């Protein structure tokens, strides 16, 4: 019997994925080598031309100092502007209701509430402006702007009921306030006193917006400070 020769094993060629990996490794090695070579060239050139590096550092330092000075000046001007912020009733009457909320926020910020923010909009649950005063009290303010000012529709008890239902329970208010450039009905004022809510009507708003006294000095029966401060 003739013996068959053993079949030769075919050499396995690398698969497609393996070839892709090898190609990626090769590209990575080339890019890495090029990057290292570029860095070495730059460092060598800078060592030979050290004065260029020094000039770049000086220019960067001057630019940084100029940017810092600009920020400080801007902060000073913002502080001056906030301290001198004033509004007249005709200005407030002419505002869009969202800009009216911005004005109330800015007045709270003027009075020292650094975190004052406007949160009004859909789903605000009765809060248009939130702020924490220097005494640690949390203010939740609902704004009711009337285009016709004193001739617009008055703020009534239902508006205060919304504020009363959410200000403390939902927003954690220490002081719940409704601010309007219009009128407030008598029953709404009575309801506010019963529920320990504060009403800033047109007359109170005029005194607050055109003067320099903070709102808590214009309202009665404001809760005591949460924490002692240099102002207390």
C-alpha atoms as a PDB file:
ATOM      1  CA  UNK A   1       0.000   0.000   0.000  1.00  0.00           C
ATOM      2  CA  UNK A   2       1.187   3.450  -0.852  1.00  0.00           C
ATOM      3  CA  UNK A   3       1.338   5.809   2.053  1.00  0.00           C
ATOM      4  CA  UNK A   4      -0.263   9.183   1.541  1.00  0.00           C
ATOM      5  CA  UNK A   5       1.819  12.173   2.284  1.00  0.00           C
ATOM      6  CA  UNK A   6       0.482  14.232   5.176  1.00  0.00           C
ATOM      7  CA  UNK A   7      -1.441  17.301   3.977  1.00  0.00           C
ATOM      8  CA  UNK A   8       0.371  20.518   4.420  1.00  0.00           C
ATOM      9  CA  UNK A   9      -1.262  22.906   6.832  1.00  0.00           C
ATOM     10  CA  UNK A  10      -2.165  26.134   5.214  1.00  0.00           C
ATOM     11  CA  UNK A  11      -0.721  29.137   6.968  1.00  0.00           C
ATOM     12  CA  UNK A  12      -3.511  31.206   8.452  1.00  0.00           C
ATOM     13  CA  UNK A  13      -3.568  34.714   7.190  1.00  0.00           C
ATOM     14  CA  UNK A  14      -4.365  37.412   9.681  1.00  0.00           C
ATOM     15  CA  UNK A  15      -8.037  38.324   9.763  1.00  0.00           C
ATOM     16  CA  UNK A  16      -9.551  41.637   8.772  1.00  0.00           C
ATOM     17  CA  UNK A  17      -9.909  42.863  12.350  1.00  0.00           C
ATOM     18  CA  UNK A  18      -6.312  41.989  13.129  1.00  0.00           C
ATOM     19  CA  UNK A  19      -5.117  43.907  10.065  1.00  0.00           C
ATOM     20  CA  UNK A  20      -7.179  46.921  11.139  1.00  0.00           C
ATOM     21  CA  UNK A  21      -5.665  46.787  14.628  1.00  0.00           C
ATOM     22  CA  UNK A  22      -2.163  46.555  13.216  1.00  0.00           C
ATOM     23  CA  UNK A  23      -2.844  49.533  10.951  1.00  0.00           C
ATOM     24  CA  UNK A  24      -4.199  51.547  13.870  1.00  0.00           C
ATOM     25  CA  UNK A  25      -1.176  50.709  16.010  1.00  0.00           C
ATOM     26  CA  UNK A  26       1.113  51.727  13.179  1.00  0.00           C
ATOM     27  CA  UNK A  27      -0.688  55.057  12.724  1.00  0.00           C
ATOM     28  CA  UNK A  28      -0.616  55.658  16.484  1.00  0.00           C
ATOM     29  CA  UNK A  29       3.110  54.923  16.617  1.00  0.00           C
ATOM     30  CA  UNK A  30       3.798  57.284  13.699  1.00  0.00           C
ATOM     31  CA  UNK A  31       1.688  60.084  15.195  1.00  0.00           C
ATOM     32  CA  UNK A  32       3.282  59.624  18.624  1.00  0.00           C
ATOM     33  CA  UNK A  33       6.781  59.705  17.161  1.00  0.00           C
ATOM     34  CA  UNK A  34       5.915  62.809  15.136  1.00  0.00           C
ATOM     35  CA  UNK A  35       4.470  64.489  18.203  1.00  0.00           C
ATOM     36  CA  UNK A  36       7.520  63.709  20.306  1.00  0.00           C
ATOM     37  CA  UNK A  37       9.789  64.921  17.531  1.00  0.00           C
ATOM     38  CA  UNK A  38       7.820  68.170  17.246  1.00  0.00           C
ATOM     39  CA  UNK A  39       7.982  68.753  20.985  1.00  0.00           C
ATOM     40  CA  UNK A  40      11.734  68.138  20.979  1.00  0.00           C
ATOM     41  CA  UNK A  41      12.165  70.573  18.083  1.00  0.00           C
ATOM     42  CA  UNK A  42      10.103  73.266  19.832  1.00  0.00           C
ATOM     43  CA  UNK A  43      11.926  72.842  23.143  1.00  0.00           C
ATOM     44  CA  UNK A  44      15.294  72.940  21.398  1.00  0.00           C
ATOM     45  CA  UNK A  45      14.307  76.062  19.489  1.00  0.00           C
ATOM     46  CA  UNK A  46      13.029  77.794  22.634  1.00  0.00           C
ATOM     47  CA  UNK A  47      16.228  76.959  24.507  1.00  0.00           C
ATOM     48  CA  UNK A  48      18.194  78.528  21.691  1.00  0.00           C
ATOM     49  CA  UNK A  49      15.838  81.531  21.585  1.00  0.00           C
ATOM     50  CA  UNK A  50      15.010  81.887  25.270  1.00  0.00           C
ATOM     51  CA  UNK A  51      14.188  85.569  24.889  1.00  0.00           C
ATOM     52  CA  UNK A  52      11.117  84.640  22.783  1.00  0.00           C
ATOM     53  CA  UNK A  53       9.800  82.479  25.620  1.00  0.00           C
ATOM     54  CA  UNK A  54      10.456  85.308  28.059  1.00  0.00           C
ATOM     55  CA  UNK A  55       8.576  87.779  25.849  1.00  0.00           C
ATOM     56  CA  UNK A  56       5.614  85.395  25.564  1.00  0.00           C
ATOM     57  CA  UNK A  57       5.493  84.982  29.337  1.00  0.00           C
ATOM     58  CA  UNK A  58       5.637  88.746  29.867  1.00  0.00           C
ATOM     59  CA  UNK A  59       2.850  89.338  27.347  1.00  0.00           C
ATOM     60  CA  UNK A  60       0.734  86.600  28.937  1.00  0.00           C
ATOM     61  CA  UNK A  61       1.282  88.128  32.367  1.00  0.00           C
ATOM     62  CA  UNK A  62       0.274  91.578  31.102  1.00  0.00           C
ATOM     63  CA  UNK A  63      -2.802  90.157  29.415  1.00  0.00           C
ATOM     64  CA  UNK A  64      -3.811  88.329  32.581  1.00  0.00           C
ATOM     65  CA  UNK A  65      -3.278  91.429  34.690  1.00  0.00           C
ATOM     66  CA  UNK A  66      -5.344  93.485  32.242  1.00  0.00           C
ATOM     67  CA  UNK A  67      -8.164  90.933  32.287  1.00  0.00           C
ATOM     68  CA  UNK A  68      -8.152  90.838  36.095  1.00  0.00           C
ATOM     69  CA  UNK A  69      -8.177  94.647  36.308  1.00  0.00           C
ATOM     70  CA  UNK A  70     -11.092  94.780  33.863  1.00  0.00           C
ATOM     71  CA  UNK A  71     -13.064  92.270  35.937  1.00  0.00           C
ATOM     72  CA  UNK A  72     -12.393  94.202  39.127  1.00  0.00           C
ATOM     73  CA  UNK A  73     -13.471  97.470  37.530  1.00  0.00           C
ATOM     74  CA  UNK A  74     -16.584  95.827  36.162  1.00  0.00           C
ATOM     75  CA  UNK A  75     -17.418  94.458  39.605  1.00  0.00           C
ATOM     76  CA  UNK A  76     -16.944  97.914  41.155  1.00  0.00           C
ATOM     77  CA  UNK A  77     -19.188  99.518  38.564  1.00  0.00           C
ATOM     78  CA  UNK A  78     -21.801  96.829  39.070  1.00  0.00           C
ATOM     79  CA  UNK A  79     -21.731  97.463  42.823  1.00  0.00           C
ATOM     80  CA  UNK A  80     -22.068 101.217  42.307  1.00  0.00           C
ATOM     81  CA  UNK A  81     -24.895 100.700  39.840  1.00  0.00           C
ATOM     82  CA  UNK A  82     -26.694  98.330  42.173  1.00  0.00           C
ATOM     83  CA  UNK A  83     -26.375 100.698  45.125  1.00  0.00           C
ATOM     84  CA  UNK A  84     -27.744 103.569  43.073  1.00  0.00           C
ATOM     85  CA  UNK A  85     -30.506 101.592  41.372  1.00  0.00           C
ATOM     86  CA  UNK A  86     -33.730 103.596  41.210  1.00  0.00           C
ATOM     87  CA  UNK A  87     -37.043 103.143  39.437  1.00  0.00           C
ATOM     88  CA  UNK A  88     -39.944 105.508  39.069  1.00  0.00           C
ATOM     89  CA  UNK A  89     -43.511 104.252  38.804  1.00  0.00           C
ATOM     90  CA  UNK A  90     -43.835 105.357  35.148  1.00  0.00           C
ATOM     91  CA  UNK A  91     -40.762 103.233  34.355  1.00  0.00           C
ATOM     92  CA  UNK A  92     -42.215 100.223  36.123  1.00  0.00           C
ATOM     93  CA  UNK A  93     -45.618 100.657  34.493  1.00  0.00           C
ATOM     94  CA  UNK A  94     -44.019 100.645  31.020  1.00  0.00           C
ATOM     95  CA  UNK A  95     -42.157  97.362  31.578  1.00  0.00           C
ATOM     96  CA  UNK A  96     -43.131  93.986  30.186  1.00  0.00           C
ATOM     97  CA  UNK A  97     -44.199  91.662  32.992  1.00  0.00           C
ATOM     98  CA  UNK A  98     -40.980  89.621  32.709  1.00  0.00           C
ATOM     99  CA  UNK A  99     -38.897  92.820  32.867  1.00  0.00           C
ATOM    100  CA  UNK A 100     -40.920  93.830  35.925  1.00  0.00           C
ATOM    101  CA  UNK A 101     -39.796  90.608  37.575  1.00  0.00           C
ATOM    102  CA  UNK A 102     -36.210  91.456  36.599  1.00  0.00           C
ATOM    103  CA  UNK A 103     -36.612  94.888  38.218  1.00  0.00           C
ATOM    104  CA  UNK A 104     -37.847  93.327  41.472  1.00  0.00           C
ATOM    105  CA  UNK A 105     -34.906  90.917  41.414  1.00  0.00           C
ATOM    106  CA  UNK A 106     -32.456  93.791  40.849  1.00  0.00           C
ATOM    107  CA  UNK A 107     -33.959  95.774  43.729  1.00  0.00           C
ATOM    108  CA  UNK A 108     -33.525  92.807  46.054  1.00  0.00           C
ATOM    109  CA  UNK A 109     -29.942  92.491  44.857  1.00  0.00           C
ATOM    110  CA  UNK A 110     -29.445  96.220  45.520  1.00  0.00           C
ATOM    111  CA  UNK A 111     -30.633  95.654  49.085  1.00  0.00           C
ATOM    112  CA  UNK A 112     -27.921  93.045  49.688  1.00  0.00           C
ATOM    113  CA  UNK A 113     -29.526  89.779  48.529  1.00  0.00           C
ATOM    114  CA  UNK A 114     -26.580  88.374  46.611  1.00  0.00           C
ATOM    115  CA  UNK A 115     -28.429  85.274  45.403  1.00  0.00           C
ATOM    116  CA  UNK A 116     -31.537  87.081  44.134  1.00  0.00           C
ATOM    117  CA  UNK A 117     -32.842  85.386  41.008  1.00  0.00           C
ATOM    118  CA  UNK A 118     -35.898  85.484  38.789  1.00  0.00           C
ATOM    119  CA  UNK A 119     -37.605  82.104  38.557  1.00  0.00           C
ATOM    120  CA  UNK A 120     -40.947  83.169  37.104  1.00  0.00           C
ATOM    121  CA  UNK A 121     -42.450  81.352  34.160  1.00  0.00           C
ATOM    122  CA  UNK A 122     -44.648  78.375  33.458  1.00  0.00           C
ATOM    123  CA  UNK A 123     -44.835  76.066  36.422  1.00  0.00           C
ATOM    124  CA  UNK A 124     -43.269  78.570  38.831  1.00  0.00           C
ATOM    125  CA  UNK A 125     -45.831  77.606  41.516  1.00  0.00           C
ATOM    126  CA  UNK A 126     -46.394  81.163  42.637  1.00  0.00           C
ATOM    127  CA  UNK A 127     -42.734  82.225  42.870  1.00  0.00           C
ATOM    128  CA  UNK A 128     -41.351  84.834  40.466  1.00  0.00           C
ATOM    129  CA  UNK A 129     -38.329  85.990  42.486  1.00  0.00           C
ATOM    130  CA  UNK A 130     -36.375  84.234  45.226  1.00  0.00           C
ATOM    131  CA  UNK A 131     -33.720  85.813  47.417  1.00  0.00           C
ATOM    132  CA  UNK A 132     -31.927  85.471  50.745  1.00  0.00           C
ATOM    133  CA  UNK A 133     -31.420  88.715  52.653  1.00  0.00           C
ATOM    134  CA  UNK A 134     -28.285  89.560  54.699  1.00  0.00           C
ATOM    135  CA  UNK A 135     -30.074  88.290  57.810  1.00  0.00           C
ATOM    136  CA  UNK A 136     -30.524  84.800  56.386  1.00  0.00           C
ATOM    137  CA  UNK A 137     -34.251  85.076  55.687  1.00  0.00           C
ATOM    138  CA  UNK A 138     -35.569  83.405  52.546  1.00  0.00           C
ATOM    139  CA  UNK A 139     -37.834  85.649  50.452  1.00  0.00           C
ATOM    140  CA  UNK A 140     -40.321  84.328  47.931  1.00  0.00           C
ATOM    141  CA  UNK A 141     -41.963  87.040  45.840  1.00  0.00           C
ATOM    142  CA  UNK A 142     -44.859  86.843  43.441  1.00  0.00           C
ATOM    143  CA  UNK A 143     -45.052  89.727  40.965  1.00  0.00           C
ATOM    144  CA  UNK A 144     -48.301  91.077  39.550  1.00  0.00           C
ATOM    145  CA  UNK A 145     -47.631  93.675  36.878  1.00  0.00           C
ATOM    146  CA  UNK A 146     -50.473  95.803  35.558  1.00  0.00           C
ATOM    147  CA  UNK A 147     -49.947  97.553  32.218  1.00  0.00           C
ATOM    148  CA  UNK A 148     -52.354 100.314  33.253  1.00  0.00           C
ATOM    149  CA  UNK A 149     -50.882 100.696  36.711  1.00  0.00           C
ATOM    150  CA  UNK A 150     -53.440 101.974  39.203  1.00  0.00           C
ATOM    151  CA  UNK A 151     -56.155 101.734  36.538  1.00  0.00           C
ATOM    152  CA  UNK A 152     -55.565  98.041  35.921  1.00  0.00           C
ATOM    153  CA  UNK A 153     -57.395  95.143  37.521  1.00  0.00           C
ATOM    154  CA  UNK A 154     -56.678  94.898  41.248  1.00  0.00           C
ATOM    155  CA  UNK A 155     -54.866  92.033  42.893  1.00  0.00           C
ATOM    156  CA  UNK A 156     -57.418  89.933  44.716  1.00  0.00           C
ATOM    157  CA  UNK A 157     -57.618  87.183  47.303  1.00  0.00           C
ATOM    158  CA  UNK A 158     -57.169  84.308  44.766  1.00  0.00           C
ATOM    159  CA  UNK A 159     -53.704  85.646  43.868  1.00  0.00           C
ATOM    160  CA  UNK A 160     -52.719  85.631  47.525  1.00  0.00           C
ATOM    161  CA  UNK A 161     -54.171  82.166  48.021  1.00  0.00           C
ATOM    162  CA  UNK A 162     -51.793  80.800  45.392  1.00  0.00           C
ATOM    163  CA  UNK A 163     -48.841  82.436  47.154  1.00  0.00           C
ATOM    164  CA  UNK A 164     -50.030  81.204  50.540  1.00  0.00           C
ATOM    165  CA  UNK A 165     -50.336  77.641  49.277  1.00  0.00           C
ATOM    166  CA  UNK A 166     -46.808  77.348  47.861  1.00  0.00           C
ATOM    167  CA  UNK A 167     -44.467  79.975  49.316  1.00  0.00           C
ATOM    168  CA  UNK A 168     -43.684  78.192  52.583  1.00  0.00           C
ATOM    169  CA  UNK A 169     -44.624  74.609  51.828  1.00  0.00           C
ATOM    170  CA  UNK A 170     -42.975  74.375  48.394  1.00  0.00           C
ATOM    171  CA  UNK A 171     -40.344  77.132  48.308  1.00  0.00           C
ATOM    172  CA  UNK A 172     -39.380  77.258  51.998  1.00  0.00           C
ATOM    173  CA  UNK A 173     -40.109  80.958  52.401  1.00  0.00           C
ATOM    174  CA  UNK A 174     -39.535  82.859  55.616  1.00  0.00           C
ATOM    175  CA  UNK A 175     -41.101  85.937  54.034  1.00  0.00           C
ATOM    176  CA  UNK A 176     -43.832  85.554  51.405  1.00  0.00           C
ATOM    177  CA  UNK A 177     -44.527  88.731  49.432  1.00  0.00           C
ATOM    178  CA  UNK A 178     -46.736  89.828  46.559  1.00  0.00           C
ATOM    179  CA  UNK A 179     -45.549  92.902  44.653  1.00  0.00           C
ATOM    180  CA  UNK A 180     -47.716  94.892  42.285  1.00  0.00           C
ATOM    181  CA  UNK A 181     -47.628  98.221  40.514  1.00  0.00           C
ATOM    182  CA  UNK A 182     -51.413  98.262  40.702  1.00  0.00           C
ATOM    183  CA  UNK A 183     -54.102  98.120  43.358  1.00  0.00           C
ATOM    184  CA  UNK A 184     -54.953  95.498  45.985  1.00  0.00           C
ATOM    185  CA  UNK A 185     -58.488  94.760  47.108  1.00  0.00           C
ATOM    186  CA  UNK A 186     -59.522  95.187  50.749  1.00  0.00           C
ATOM    187  CA  UNK A 187     -60.353  91.492  51.248  1.00  0.00           C
ATOM    188  CA  UNK A 188     -56.925  90.578  49.831  1.00  0.00           C
ATOM    189  CA  UNK A 189     -55.221  92.852  52.360  1.00  0.00           C
ATOM    190  CA  UNK A 190     -57.238  91.273  55.170  1.00  0.00           C
ATOM    191  CA  UNK A 191     -56.395  87.764  53.968  1.00  0.00           C
ATOM    192  CA  UNK A 192     -52.696  88.683  53.787  1.00  0.00           C
ATOM    193  CA  UNK A 193     -52.699  89.827  57.421  1.00  0.00           C
ATOM    194  CA  UNK A 194     -54.472  86.663  58.536  1.00  0.00           C
ATOM    195  CA  UNK A 195     -51.988  84.402  56.724  1.00  0.00           C
ATOM    196  CA  UNK A 196     -48.837  86.391  57.555  1.00  0.00           C
ATOM    197  CA  UNK A 197     -48.292  87.395  53.931  1.00  0.00           C
ATOM    198  CA  UNK A 198     -46.835  90.734  52.901  1.00  0.00           C
ATOM    199  CA  UNK A 199     -48.343  93.014  50.283  1.00  0.00           C
ATOM    200  CA  UNK A 200     -46.260  95.567  48.405  1.00  0.00           C
ATOM    201  CA  UNK A 201     -48.854  97.776  46.744  1.00  0.00           C
ATOM    202  CA  UNK A 202     -48.258 100.692  44.388  1.00  0.00           C
ATOM    203  CA  UNK A 203     -47.438 103.169  47.151  1.00  0.00           C
ATOM    204  CA  UNK A 204     -45.008 100.833  48.932  1.00  0.00           C
ATOM    205  CA  UNK A 205     -43.420  99.878  45.621  1.00  0.00           C
ATOM    206  CA  UNK A 206     -42.870 103.575  44.803  1.00  0.00           C
ATOM    207  CA  UNK A 207     -41.092 104.133  48.132  1.00  0.00           C
ATOM    208  CA  UNK A 208     -38.974 101.009  47.719  1.00  0.00           C
ATOM    209  CA  UNK A 209     -38.013 101.419  44.062  1.00  0.00           C
ATOM    210  CA  UNK A 210     -37.226 105.150  44.167  1.00  0.00           C
ATOM    211  CA  UNK A 211     -35.370 105.153  47.478  1.00  0.00           C
ATOM    212  CA  UNK A 212     -32.498 103.343  49.104  1.00  0.00           C
ATOM    213  CA  UNK A 213     -34.216 101.592  52.022  1.00  0.00           C
ATOM    214  CA  UNK A 214     -34.427  97.798  51.786  1.00  0.00           C
ATOM    215  CA  UNK A 215     -37.835  96.225  51.544  1.00  0.00           C
ATOM    216  CA  UNK A 216     -37.709  94.687  55.029  1.00  0.00           C
ATOM    217  CA  UNK A 217     -37.520  98.185  56.519  1.00  0.00           C
ATOM    218  CA  UNK A 218     -40.734  99.161  54.743  1.00  0.00           C
ATOM    219  CA  UNK A 219     -42.799  96.127  55.753  1.00  0.00           C
ATOM    220  CA  UNK A 220     -44.313  95.359  59.132  1.00  0.00           C
ATOM    221  CA  UNK A 221     -44.053  92.142  61.122  1.00  0.00           C
ATOM    222  CA  UNK A 222     -41.137  90.710  59.134  1.00  0.00           C
ATOM    223  CA  UNK A 223     -39.762  87.547  60.809  1.00  0.00           C
ATOM    224  CA  UNK A 224     -36.630  87.997  62.929  1.00  0.00           C
ATOM    225  CA  UNK A 225     -33.204  87.248  61.443  1.00  0.00           C
ATOM    226  CA  UNK A 226     -32.226  83.615  61.064  1.00  0.00           C
ATOM    227  CA  UNK A 227     -28.608  84.322  62.024  1.00  0.00           C
ATOM    228  CA  UNK A 228     -26.738  87.222  63.626  1.00  0.00           C
ATOM    229  CA  UNK A 229     -24.845  89.397  61.182  1.00  0.00           C
ATOM    230  CA  UNK A 230     -22.880  92.620  61.248  1.00  0.00           C
ATOM    231  CA  UNK A 231     -26.132  94.329  60.209  1.00  0.00           C
ATOM    232  CA  UNK A 232     -28.199  92.966  63.071  1.00  0.00           C
END
